[in-house]
Amino acid sequence: MLHTLIKSGINLSGAAVIAVQSSNPNYLKALFEADKVDLSKAHWLDRKTVLHLTVSVGFAIAHTTEKRTFLLVNGANVNCRDSQGWTPLHEACIAICVGDSSERKAIEDLLA
C-alpha cells in the first residue's frame, strides 16, 4: 500500500504519518530505506513530527514502541517542537497525566 501511495505522488510527510499509523511496522522501515523522506522532519498537523505521533494521546498506533525505537535509532530529533512549542517528551508526559501509564516506556525511550 505504501509503495502505491509514494508512486502516486502523495505528500511524503503524509506517507510518513500513514506509515506510523499503519498496523504494519515494516511500512516505516520501507519508507526510510527508500530514502524518500527525512523521518525526523516529516510532520503532520500543528507541525507534529511522526515521533510526536508515537507518544500522543488519541493516536491508537500498533507496534508503537517498535516504531518509536526505529525512529530514534534512525535519527529522529527528540527536541523537535510542534507549532505550540511541545516536544515528544511533553506529549508523553501528558499521556501519563491523562491515565495512559503505557507511555512511561516512551519517556524512558526519549530520555535515553
PDB file of N, CA and C in Angstrom:
ATOM      1  N   MET A   1       0.814  -1.190   0.000  1.00  0.00           N
ATOM      2  CA  MET A   1       0.000   0.000   0.000  1.00  0.00           C
ATOM      3  C   MET A   1       0.862   1.259   0.000  1.00  0.00           C
ATOM      4  N   LEU A   2       1.862   1.304   0.857  1.00  0.00           N
ATOM      5  CA  LEU A   2       2.687   2.496   0.967  1.00  0.00           C
ATOM      6  C   LEU A   2       3.425   2.784  -0.334  1.00  0.00           C
ATOM      7  N   HIS A   3       3.932   1.734  -0.966  1.00  0.00           N
ATOM      8  CA  HIS A   3       4.646   1.929  -2.233  1.00  0.00           C
ATOM      9  C   HIS A   3       3.720   2.535  -3.286  1.00  0.00           C
ATOM     10  N   THR A   4       2.464   2.119  -3.293  1.00  0.00           N
ATOM     11  CA  THR A   4       1.489   2.672  -4.235  1.00  0.00           C
ATOM     12  C   THR A   4       1.256   4.148  -3.947  1.00  0.00           C
ATOM     13  N   LEU A   5       1.162   4.514  -2.672  1.00  0.00           N
ATOM     14  CA  LEU A   5       0.959   5.912  -2.315  1.00  0.00           C
ATOM     15  C   LEU A   5       2.150   6.780  -2.731  1.00  0.00           C
ATOM     16  N   ILE A   6       3.358   6.264  -2.526  1.00  0.00           N
ATOM     17  CA  ILE A   6       4.545   7.027  -2.911  1.00  0.00           C
ATOM     18  C   ILE A   6       4.577   7.228  -4.421  1.00  0.00           C
ATOM     19  N   LYS A   7       4.285   6.168  -5.172  1.00  0.00           N
ATOM     20  CA  LYS A   7       4.274   6.262  -6.631  1.00  0.00           C
ATOM     21  C   LYS A   7       3.198   7.221  -7.117  1.00  0.00           C
ATOM     22  N   SER A   8       2.104   7.342  -6.373  1.00  0.00           N
ATOM     23  CA  SER A   8       1.003   8.210  -6.795  1.00  0.00           C
ATOM     24  C   SER A   8       1.300   9.682  -6.526  1.00  0.00           C
ATOM     25  N   GLY A   9       2.405   9.946  -5.832  1.00  0.00           N
ATOM     26  CA  GLY A   9       2.785  11.336  -5.586  1.00  0.00           C
ATOM     27  C   GLY A   9       2.257  11.912  -4.295  1.00  0.00           C
ATOM     28  N   ILE A  10       1.877  11.075  -3.340  1.00  0.00           N
ATOM     29  CA  ILE A  10       1.387  11.571  -2.050  1.00  0.00           C
ATOM     30  C   ILE A  10       2.462  12.438  -1.397  1.00  0.00           C
ATOM     31  N   ASN A  11       2.028  13.422  -0.661  1.00  0.00           N
ATOM     32  CA  ASN A  11       2.942  14.227   0.134  1.00  0.00           C
ATOM     33  C   ASN A  11       3.713  13.268   1.040  1.00  0.00           C
ATOM     34  N   LEU A  12       5.039  13.368   1.010  1.00  0.00           N
ATOM     35  CA  LEU A  12       5.838  12.396   1.746  1.00  0.00           C
ATOM     36  C   LEU A  12       5.682  12.501   3.253  1.00  0.00           C
ATOM     37  N   SER A  13       5.368  13.680   3.763  1.00  0.00           N
ATOM     38  CA  SER A  13       5.073  13.777   5.189  1.00  0.00           C
ATOM     39  C   SER A  13       3.807  12.986   5.494  1.00  0.00           C
ATOM     40  N   GLY A  14       2.845  13.043   4.589  1.00  0.00           N
ATOM     41  CA  GLY A  14       1.618  12.258   4.747  1.00  0.00           C
ATOM     42  C   GLY A  14       1.899  10.775   4.710  1.00  0.00           C
ATOM     43  N   ALA A  15       2.808  10.364   3.841  1.00  0.00           N
ATOM     44  CA  ALA A  15       3.185   8.950   3.757  1.00  0.00           C
ATOM     45  C   ALA A  15       3.830   8.494   5.062  1.00  0.00           C
ATOM     46  N   ALA A  16       4.636   9.355   5.659  1.00  0.00           N
ATOM     47  CA  ALA A  16       5.274   9.007   6.934  1.00  0.00           C
ATOM     48  C   ALA A  16       4.230   8.845   8.035  1.00  0.00           C
ATOM     49  N   VAL A  17       3.236   9.705   8.048  1.00  0.00           N
ATOM     50  CA  VAL A  17       2.164   9.602   9.049  1.00  0.00           C
ATOM     51  C   VAL A  17       1.380   8.317   8.834  1.00  0.00           C
ATOM     52  N   ILE A  18       1.067   8.001   7.578  1.00  0.00           N
ATOM     53  CA  ILE A  18       0.353   6.752   7.279  1.00  0.00           C
ATOM     54  C   ILE A  18       1.190   5.560   7.728  1.00  0.00           C
ATOM     55  N   ALA A  19       2.495   5.620   7.495  1.00  0.00           N
ATOM     56  CA  ALA A  19       3.381   4.525   7.897  1.00  0.00           C
ATOM     57  C   ALA A  19       3.380   4.339   9.406  1.00  0.00           C
ATOM     58  N   VAL A  20       3.393   5.437  10.160  1.00  0.00           N
ATOM     59  CA  VAL A  20       3.377   5.345  11.623  1.00  0.00           C
ATOM     60  C   VAL A  20       2.035   4.793  12.105  1.00  0.00           C
ATOM     61  N   GLN A  21       0.945   5.199  11.482  1.00  0.00           N
ATOM     62  CA  GLN A  21      -0.381   4.759  11.920  1.00  0.00           C
ATOM     63  C   GLN A  21      -0.727   3.351  11.449  1.00  0.00           C
ATOM     64  N   SER A  22       0.011   2.840  10.493  1.00  0.00           N
ATOM     65  CA  SER A  22      -0.267   1.522   9.934  1.00  0.00           C
ATOM     66  C   SER A  22      -0.063   0.425  10.971  1.00  0.00           C
ATOM     67  N   SER A  23      -0.798  -0.668  10.800  1.00  0.00           N
ATOM     68  CA  SER A  23      -0.599  -1.816  11.683  1.00  0.00           C
ATOM     69  C   SER A  23       0.630  -2.625  11.251  1.00  0.00           C
ATOM     70  N   ASN A  24       1.215  -2.277  10.112  1.00  0.00           N
ATOM     71  CA  ASN A  24       2.394  -2.976   9.615  1.00  0.00           C
ATOM     72  C   ASN A  24       3.655  -2.175   9.971  1.00  0.00           C
ATOM     73  N   PRO A  25       4.475  -2.662  10.900  1.00  0.00           N
ATOM     74  CA  PRO A  25       5.661  -1.905  11.302  1.00  0.00           C
ATOM     75  C   PRO A  25       6.700  -1.784  10.191  1.00  0.00           C
ATOM     76  N   ASN A  26       6.582  -2.610   9.167  1.00  0.00           N
ATOM     77  CA  ASN A  26       7.563  -2.570   8.080  1.00  0.00           C
ATOM     78  C   ASN A  26       7.366  -1.391   7.137  1.00  0.00           C
ATOM     79  N   TYR A  27       6.203  -0.758   7.136  1.00  0.00           N
ATOM     80  CA  TYR A  27       5.969   0.394   6.256  1.00  0.00           C
ATOM     81  C   TYR A  27       6.930   1.538   6.579  1.00  0.00           C
ATOM     82  N   LEU A  28       7.118   1.796   7.854  1.00  0.00           N
ATOM     83  CA  LEU A  28       8.005   2.871   8.266  1.00  0.00           C
ATOM     84  C   LEU A  28       9.436   2.576   7.825  1.00  0.00           C
ATOM     85  N   LYS A  29       9.857   1.345   8.020  1.00  0.00           N
ATOM     86  CA  LYS A  29      11.196   0.933   7.609  1.00  0.00           C
ATOM     87  C   LYS A  29      11.353   1.045   6.097  1.00  0.00           C
ATOM     88  N   ALA A  30      10.339   0.638   5.357  1.00  0.00           N
ATOM     89  CA  ALA A  30      10.397   0.701   3.889  1.00  0.00           C
ATOM     90  C   ALA A  30      10.506   2.145   3.415  1.00  0.00           C
ATOM     91  N   LEU A  31       9.784   3.036   4.039  1.00  0.00           N
ATOM     92  CA  LEU A  31       9.831   4.447   3.664  1.00  0.00           C
ATOM     93  C   LEU A  31      11.221   5.016   3.945  1.00  0.00           C
ATOM     94  N   PHE A  32      11.775   4.676   5.081  1.00  0.00           N
ATOM     95  CA  PHE A  32      13.117   5.143   5.437  1.00  0.00           C
ATOM     96  C   PHE A  32      14.160   4.586   4.472  1.00  0.00           C
ATOM     97  N   GLU A  33      14.068   3.282   4.209  1.00  0.00           N
ATOM     98  CA  GLU A  33      15.044   2.640   3.331  1.00  0.00           C
ATOM     99  C   GLU A  33      14.939   3.118   1.895  1.00  0.00           C
ATOM    100  N   ALA A  34      13.763   3.553   1.495  1.00  0.00           N
ATOM    101  CA  ALA A  34      13.582   4.077   0.134  1.00  0.00           C
ATOM    102  C   ALA A  34      14.183   5.472   0.014  1.00  0.00           C
ATOM    103  N   ASP A  35      14.622   6.018   1.163  1.00  0.00           N
ATOM    104  CA  ASP A  35      15.241   7.339   1.198  1.00  0.00           C
ATOM    105  C   ASP A  35      14.326   8.390   0.579  1.00  0.00           C
ATOM    106  N   LYS A  36      13.042   8.245   0.860  1.00  0.00           N
ATOM    107  CA  LYS A  36      12.050   9.139   0.271  1.00  0.00           C
ATOM    108  C   LYS A  36      11.754  10.352   1.138  1.00  0.00           C
ATOM    109  N   VAL A  37      12.010  10.241   2.422  1.00  0.00           N
ATOM    110  CA  VAL A  37      11.644  11.329   3.322  1.00  0.00           C
ATOM    111  C   VAL A  37      12.545  11.297   4.553  1.00  0.00           C
ATOM    112  N   ASP A  38      12.866  12.460   5.053  1.00  0.00           N
ATOM    113  CA  ASP A  38      13.613  12.577   6.295  1.00  0.00           C
ATOM    114  C   ASP A  38      12.604  12.429   7.423  1.00  0.00           C
ATOM    115  N   LEU A  39      12.615  11.265   8.068  1.00  0.00           N
ATOM    116  CA  LEU A  39      11.608  10.964   9.085  1.00  0.00           C
ATOM    117  C   LEU A  39      11.674  11.889  10.288  1.00  0.00           C
ATOM    118  N   SER A  40      12.810  12.526  10.493  1.00  0.00           N
ATOM    119  CA  SER A  40      12.898  13.453  11.622  1.00  0.00           C
ATOM    120  C   SER A  40      12.251  14.794  11.304  1.00  0.00           C
ATOM    121  N   LYS A  41      11.993  15.050  10.021  1.00  0.00           N
ATOM    122  CA  LYS A  41      11.395  16.326   9.639  1.00  0.00           C
ATOM    123  C   LYS A  41       9.958  16.187   9.144  1.00  0.00           C
ATOM    124  N   ALA A  42       9.530  14.974   8.834  1.00  0.00           N
ATOM    125  CA  ALA A  42       8.162  14.763   8.363  1.00  0.00           C
ATOM    126  C   ALA A  42       7.201  15.193   9.451  1.00  0.00           C
ATOM    127  N   HIS A  43       6.198  15.958   9.091  1.00  0.00           N
ATOM    128  CA  HIS A  43       5.276  16.445  10.111  1.00  0.00           C
ATOM    129  C   HIS A  43       3.832  16.365   9.632  1.00  0.00           C
ATOM    130  N   TRP A  44       2.968  16.499  10.593  1.00  0.00           N
ATOM    131  CA  TRP A  44       1.534  16.404  10.384  1.00  0.00           C
ATOM    132  C   TRP A  44       0.922  17.702  10.872  1.00  0.00           C
ATOM    133  N   LEU A  45      -0.309  17.699  11.236  1.00  0.00           N
ATOM    134  CA  LEU A  45      -0.995  18.893  11.714  1.00  0.00           C
ATOM    135  C   LEU A  45      -0.244  19.519  12.884  1.00  0.00           C
ATOM    136  N   ASP A  46      -0.266  20.823  12.951  1.00  0.00           N
ATOM    137  CA  ASP A  46       0.400  21.563  14.030  1.00  0.00           C
ATOM    138  C   ASP A  46       1.899  21.281  14.100  1.00  0.00           C
ATOM    139  N   ARG A  47       2.469  20.856  12.992  1.00  0.00           N
ATOM    140  CA  ARG A  47       3.900  20.568  12.872  1.00  0.00           C
ATOM    141  C   ARG A  47       4.370  19.466  13.820  1.00  0.00           C
ATOM    142  N   LYS A  48       3.459  18.571  14.182  1.00  0.00           N
ATOM    143  CA  LYS A  48       3.861  17.417  14.984  1.00  0.00           C
ATOM    144  C   LYS A  48       4.605  16.445  14.075  1.00  0.00           C
ATOM    145  N   THR A  49       5.774  15.987  14.533  1.00  0.00           N
ATOM    146  CA  THR A  49       6.536  15.021  13.754  1.00  0.00           C
ATOM    147  C   THR A  49       5.969  13.628  13.968  1.00  0.00           C
ATOM    148  N   VAL A  50       6.450  12.685  13.179  1.00  0.00           N
ATOM    149  CA  VAL A  50       5.989  11.316  13.370  1.00  0.00           C
ATOM    150  C   VAL A  50       6.413  10.793  14.740  1.00  0.00           C
ATOM    151  N   LEU A  51       7.510  11.292  15.286  1.00  0.00           N
ATOM    152  CA  LEU A  51       7.899  10.908  16.646  1.00  0.00           C
ATOM    153  C   LEU A  51       6.874  11.413  17.658  1.00  0.00           C
ATOM    154  N   HIS A  52       6.381  12.641  17.478  1.00  0.00           N
ATOM    155  CA  HIS A  52       5.304  13.147  18.342  1.00  0.00           C
ATOM    156  C   HIS A  52       4.114  12.168  18.323  1.00  0.00           C
ATOM    157  N   LEU A  53       3.771  11.695  17.134  1.00  0.00           N
ATOM    158  CA  LEU A  53       2.589  10.840  16.996  1.00  0.00           C
ATOM    159  C   LEU A  53       2.738   9.517  17.720  1.00  0.00           C
ATOM    160  N   THR A  54       3.965   9.016  17.855  1.00  0.00           N
ATOM    161  CA  THR A  54       4.139   7.730  18.540  1.00  0.00           C
ATOM    162  C   THR A  54       3.938   7.828  20.043  1.00  0.00           C
ATOM    163  N   VAL A  55       3.844   9.034  20.571  1.00  0.00           N
ATOM    164  CA  VAL A  55       3.636   9.206  22.018  1.00  0.00           C
ATOM    165  C   VAL A  55       2.383  10.017  22.340  1.00  0.00           C
ATOM    166  N   SER A  56       1.646  10.456  21.343  1.00  0.00           N
ATOM    167  CA  SER A  56       0.497  11.341  21.555  1.00  0.00           C
ATOM    168  C   SER A  56      -0.735  10.613  22.053  1.00  0.00           C
ATOM    169  N   VAL A  57      -1.488  11.301  22.890  1.00  0.00           N
ATOM    170  CA  VAL A  57      -2.789  10.813  23.336  1.00  0.00           C
ATOM    171  C   VAL A  57      -3.732  10.841  22.133  1.00  0.00           C
ATOM    172  N   GLY A  58      -4.520   9.809  21.986  1.00  0.00           N
ATOM    173  CA  GLY A  58      -5.525   9.807  20.927  1.00  0.00           C
ATOM    174  C   GLY A  58      -5.076   9.183  19.618  1.00  0.00           C
ATOM    175  N   PHE A  59      -3.848   8.739  19.532  1.00  0.00           N
ATOM    176  CA  PHE A  59      -3.386   8.045  18.334  1.00  0.00           C
ATOM    177  C   PHE A  59      -3.205   6.582  18.689  1.00  0.00           C
ATOM    178  N   ALA A  60      -4.153   5.758  18.274  1.00  0.00           N
ATOM    179  CA  ALA A  60      -4.054   4.323  18.517  1.00  0.00           C
ATOM    180  C   ALA A  60      -3.125   3.749  17.452  1.00  0.00           C
ATOM    181  N   ILE A  61      -1.898   3.524  17.834  1.00  0.00           N
ATOM    182  CA  ILE A  61      -0.891   3.083  16.877  1.00  0.00           C
ATOM    183  C   ILE A  61      -0.387   1.707  17.292  1.00  0.00           C
ATOM    184  N   ALA A  62      -0.504   0.756  16.364  1.00  0.00           N
ATOM    185  CA  ALA A  62       0.010  -0.582  16.624  1.00  0.00           C
ATOM    186  C   ALA A  62       1.533  -0.562  16.574  1.00  0.00           C
ATOM    187  N   HIS A  63       2.150  -1.406  17.362  1.00  0.00           N
ATOM    188  CA  HIS A  63       3.618  -1.540  17.387  1.00  0.00           C
ATOM    189  C   HIS A  63       4.298  -0.213  17.734  1.00  0.00           C
ATOM    190  N   THR A  64       3.695   0.552  18.629  1.00  0.00           N
ATOM    191  CA  THR A  64       4.195   1.888  18.952  1.00  0.00           C
ATOM    192  C   THR A  64       5.641   1.876  19.421  1.00  0.00           C
ATOM    193  N   THR A  65       5.970   1.026  20.362  1.00  0.00           N
ATOM    194  CA  THR A  65       7.334   1.006  20.897  1.00  0.00           C
ATOM    195  C   THR A  65       8.332   0.664  19.803  1.00  0.00           C
ATOM    196  N   GLU A  66       7.998  -0.305  18.985  1.00  0.00           N
ATOM    197  CA  GLU A  66       8.889  -0.705  17.883  1.00  0.00           C
ATOM    198  C   GLU A  66       9.103   0.457  16.903  1.00  0.00           C
ATOM    199  N   LYS A  67       8.047   1.161  16.576  1.00  0.00           N
ATOM    200  CA  LYS A  67       8.154   2.284  15.633  1.00  0.00           C
ATOM    201  C   LYS A  67       8.933   3.441  16.256  1.00  0.00           C
ATOM    202  N   ARG A  68       8.658   3.731  17.514  1.00  0.00           N
ATOM    203  CA  ARG A  68       9.374   4.812  18.197  1.00  0.00           C
ATOM    204  C   ARG A  68      10.867   4.489  18.262  1.00  0.00           C
ATOM    205  N   THR A  69      11.198   3.258  18.612  1.00  0.00           N
ATOM    206  CA  THR A  69      12.601   2.842  18.658  1.00  0.00           C
ATOM    207  C   THR A  69      13.250   2.982  17.298  1.00  0.00           C
ATOM    208  N   PHE A  70      12.547   2.576  16.246  1.00  0.00           N
ATOM    209  CA  PHE A  70      13.084   2.703  14.898  1.00  0.00           C
ATOM    210  C   PHE A  70      13.386   4.164  14.573  1.00  0.00           C
ATOM    211  N   LEU A  71      12.455   5.042  14.889  1.00  0.00           N
ATOM    212  CA  LEU A  71      12.664   6.472  14.622  1.00  0.00           C
ATOM    213  C   LEU A  71      13.862   7.013  15.393  1.00  0.00           C
ATOM    214  N   LEU A  72      13.967   6.658  16.658  1.00  0.00           N
ATOM    215  CA  LEU A  72      15.061   7.166  17.487  1.00  0.00           C
ATOM    216  C   LEU A  72      16.415   6.636  17.018  1.00  0.00           C
ATOM    217  N   VAL A  73      16.479   5.360  16.686  1.00  0.00           N
ATOM    218  CA  VAL A  73      17.732   4.774  16.200  1.00  0.00           C
ATOM    219  C   VAL A  73      18.163   5.413  14.880  1.00  0.00           C
ATOM    220  N   ASN A  74      17.181   5.841  14.094  1.00  0.00           N
ATOM    221  CA  ASN A  74      17.489   6.403  12.782  1.00  0.00           C
ATOM    222  C   ASN A  74      17.493   7.928  12.760  1.00  0.00           C
ATOM    223  N   GLY A  75      17.704   8.520  13.926  1.00  0.00           N
ATOM    224  CA  GLY A  75      17.991   9.942  13.982  1.00  0.00           C
ATOM    225  C   GLY A  75      16.843  10.899  14.206  1.00  0.00           C
ATOM    226  N   ALA A  76      15.679  10.405  14.618  1.00  0.00           N
ATOM    227  CA  ALA A  76      14.581  11.332  14.905  1.00  0.00           C
ATOM    228  C   ALA A  76      15.014  12.291  16.015  1.00  0.00           C
ATOM    229  N   ASN A  77      14.653  13.527  15.877  1.00  0.00           N
ATOM    230  CA  ASN A  77      15.064  14.566  16.812  1.00  0.00           C
ATOM    231  C   ASN A  77      14.098  14.613  18.002  1.00  0.00           C
ATOM    232  N   VAL A  78      14.579  14.228  19.177  1.00  0.00           N
ATOM    233  CA  VAL A  78      13.720  14.234  20.367  1.00  0.00           C
ATOM    234  C   VAL A  78      13.432  15.649  20.854  1.00  0.00           C
ATOM    235  N   ASN A  79      14.182  16.616  20.366  1.00  0.00           N
ATOM    236  CA  ASN A  79      13.994  18.005  20.786  1.00  0.00           C
ATOM    237  C   ASN A  79      13.170  18.826  19.799  1.00  0.00           C
ATOM    238  N   CYS A  80      12.639  18.194  18.763  1.00  0.00           N
ATOM    239  CA  CYS A  80      11.840  18.941  17.787  1.00  0.00           C
ATOM    240  C   CYS A  80      10.575  19.453  18.463  1.00  0.00           C
ATOM    241  N   ARG A  81      10.143  20.624  18.044  1.00  0.00           N
ATOM    242  CA  ARG A  81       8.970  21.251  18.658  1.00  0.00           C
ATOM    243  C   ARG A  81       7.853  21.399  17.630  1.00  0.00           C
ATOM    244  N   ASP A  82       6.629  21.208  18.097  1.00  0.00           N
ATOM    245  CA  ASP A  82       5.489  21.422  17.219  1.00  0.00           C
ATOM    246  C   ASP A  82       5.137  22.907  17.212  1.00  0.00           C
ATOM    247  N   SER A  83       4.019  23.260  16.621  1.00  0.00           N
ATOM    248  CA  SER A  83       3.650  24.672  16.490  1.00  0.00           C
ATOM    249  C   SER A  83       3.373  25.339  17.838  1.00  0.00           C
ATOM    250  N   GLN A  84       3.161  24.547  18.877  1.00  0.00           N
ATOM    251  CA  GLN A  84       2.909  25.108  20.204  1.00  0.00           C
ATOM    252  C   GLN A  84       4.144  25.030  21.108  1.00  0.00           C
ATOM    253  N   GLY A  85       5.257  24.586  20.537  1.00  0.00           N
ATOM    254  CA  GLY A  85       6.498  24.501  21.283  1.00  0.00           C
ATOM    255  C   GLY A  85       6.689  23.211  22.061  1.00  0.00           C
ATOM    256  N   TRP A  86       5.814  22.233  21.844  1.00  0.00           N
ATOM    257  CA  TRP A  86       5.886  20.979  22.574  1.00  0.00           C
ATOM    258  C   TRP A  86       6.822  19.997  21.879  1.00  0.00           C
ATOM    259  N   THR A  87       7.598  19.278  22.689  1.00  0.00           N
ATOM    260  CA  THR A  87       8.454  18.209  22.187  1.00  0.00           C
ATOM    261  C   THR A  87       7.713  16.879  22.357  1.00  0.00           C
ATOM    262  N   PRO A  88       8.231  15.797  21.770  1.00  0.00           N
ATOM    263  CA  PRO A  88       7.618  14.485  22.018  1.00  0.00           C
ATOM    264  C   PRO A  88       7.587  14.127  23.508  1.00  0.00           C
ATOM    265  N   LEU A  89       8.567  14.584  24.272  1.00  0.00           N
ATOM    266  CA  LEU A  89       8.568  14.319  25.710  1.00  0.00           C
ATOM    267  C   LEU A  89       7.372  14.977  26.397  1.00  0.00           C
ATOM    268  N   HIS A  90       7.032  16.202  25.998  1.00  0.00           N
ATOM    269  CA  HIS A  90       5.823  16.848  26.531  1.00  0.00           C
ATOM    270  C   HIS A  90       4.594  15.975  26.257  1.00  0.00           C
ATOM    271  N   GLU A  91       4.501  15.473  25.022  1.00  0.00           N
ATOM    272  CA  GLU A  91       3.352  14.635  24.631  1.00  0.00           C
ATOM    273  C   GLU A  91       3.259  13.384  25.508  1.00  0.00           C
ATOM    274  N   ALA A  92       4.411  12.743  25.741  1.00  0.00           N
ATOM    275  CA  ALA A  92       4.416  11.527  26.560  1.00  0.00           C
ATOM    276  C   ALA A  92       3.997  11.825  27.995  1.00  0.00           C
ATOM    277  N   CYS A  93       4.446  12.944  28.536  1.00  0.00           N
ATOM    278  CA  CYS A  93       4.068  13.325  29.907  1.00  0.00           C
ATOM    279  C   CYS A  93       2.574  13.589  30.013  1.00  0.00           C
ATOM    280  N   ILE A  94       2.008  14.246  29.024  1.00  0.00           N
ATOM    281  CA  ILE A  94       0.558  14.496  29.020  1.00  0.00           C
ATOM    282  C   ILE A  94      -0.209  13.178  28.972  1.00  0.00           C
ATOM    283  N   ALA A  95       0.285  12.228  28.182  1.00  0.00           N
ATOM    284  CA  ALA A  95      -0.384  10.923  28.092  1.00  0.00           C
ATOM    285  C   ALA A  95      -0.443  10.262  29.464  1.00  0.00           C
ATOM    286  N   ILE A  96       0.634  10.357  30.221  1.00  0.00           N
ATOM    287  CA  ILE A  96       0.639   9.774  31.567  1.00  0.00           C
ATOM    288  C   ILE A  96      -0.333  10.518  32.474  1.00  0.00           C
ATOM    289  N   CYS A  97      -0.371  11.832  32.347  1.00  0.00           N
ATOM    290  CA  CYS A  97      -1.275  12.642  33.184  1.00  0.00           C
ATOM    291  C   CYS A  97      -2.744  12.299  32.958  1.00  0.00           C
ATOM    292  N   VAL A  98      -3.089  11.884  31.741  1.00  0.00           N
ATOM    293  CA  VAL A  98      -4.484  11.534  31.461  1.00  0.00           C
ATOM    294  C   VAL A  98      -4.748  10.046  31.647  1.00  0.00           C
ATOM    295  N   GLY A  99      -3.774   9.346  32.223  1.00  0.00           N
ATOM    296  CA  GLY A  99      -4.017   7.970  32.616  1.00  0.00           C
ATOM    297  C   GLY A  99      -3.442   6.889  31.738  1.00  0.00           C
ATOM    298  N   ASP A 100      -2.630   7.231  30.762  1.00  0.00           N
ATOM    299  CA  ASP A 100      -2.041   6.215  29.889  1.00  0.00           C
ATOM    300  C   ASP A 100      -0.660   5.841  30.425  1.00  0.00           C
ATOM    301  N   SER A 101      -0.627   4.925  31.366  1.00  0.00           N
ATOM    302  CA  SER A 101       0.635   4.557  32.010  1.00  0.00           C
ATOM    303  C   SER A 101       1.586   3.833  31.072  1.00  0.00           C
ATOM    304  N   SER A 102       1.098   3.380  29.923  1.00  0.00           N
ATOM    305  CA  SER A 102       1.983   2.702  28.965  1.00  0.00           C
ATOM    306  C   SER A 102       3.025   3.660  28.396  1.00  0.00           C
ATOM    307  N   GLU A 103       2.787   4.949  28.523  1.00  0.00           N
ATOM    308  CA  GLU A 103       3.734   5.922  27.985  1.00  0.00           C
ATOM    309  C   GLU A 103       4.958   6.121  28.868  1.00  0.00           C
ATOM    310  N   ARG A 104       5.009   5.457  30.004  1.00  0.00           N
ATOM    311  CA  ARG A 104       6.232   5.516  30.817  1.00  0.00           C
ATOM    312  C   ARG A 104       7.417   5.007  30.000  1.00  0.00           C
ATOM    313  N   LYS A 105       7.197   3.985  29.201  1.00  0.00           N
ATOM    314  CA  LYS A 105       8.252   3.449  28.338  1.00  0.00           C
ATOM    315  C   LYS A 105       8.662   4.503  27.315  1.00  0.00           C
ATOM    316  N   ALA A 106       7.720   5.279  26.822  1.00  0.00           N
ATOM    317  CA  ALA A 106       8.034   6.326  25.860  1.00  0.00           C
ATOM    318  C   ALA A 106       8.975   7.352  26.482  1.00  0.00           C
ATOM    319  N   ILE A 107       8.713   7.719  27.727  1.00  0.00           N
ATOM    320  CA  ILE A 107       9.571   8.691  28.408  1.00  0.00           C
ATOM    321  C   ILE A 107      10.972   8.133  28.569  1.00  0.00           C
ATOM    322  N   GLU A 108      11.067   6.868  28.952  1.00  0.00           N
ATOM    323  CA  GLU A 108      12.386   6.235  29.062  1.00  0.00           C
ATOM    324  C   GLU A 108      13.117   6.255  27.724  1.00  0.00           C
ATOM    325  N   ASP A 109      12.389   5.924  26.652  1.00  0.00           N
ATOM    326  CA  ASP A 109      12.994   5.919  25.313  1.00  0.00           C
ATOM    327  C   ASP A 109      13.486   7.299  24.908  1.00  0.00           C
ATOM    328  N   LEU A 110      12.681   8.314  25.170  1.00  0.00           N
ATOM    329  CA  LEU A 110      13.020   9.667  24.756  1.00  0.00           C
ATOM    330  C   LEU A 110      14.181  10.243  25.555  1.00  0.00           C
ATOM    331  N   LEU A 111      14.335   9.811  26.794  1.00  0.00           N
ATOM    332  CA  LEU A 111      15.416  10.321  27.636  1.00  0.00           C
ATOM    333  C   LEU A 111      16.716   9.518  27.506  1.00  0.00           C
ATOM    334  N   ALA A 112      16.635   8.376  26.853  1.00  0.00           N
ATOM    335  CA  ALA A 112      17.828   7.503  26.722  1.00  0.00           C
ATOM    336  C   ALA A 112      18.878   8.121  25.824  1.00  0.00           C
TER     337      ALA A 112
END
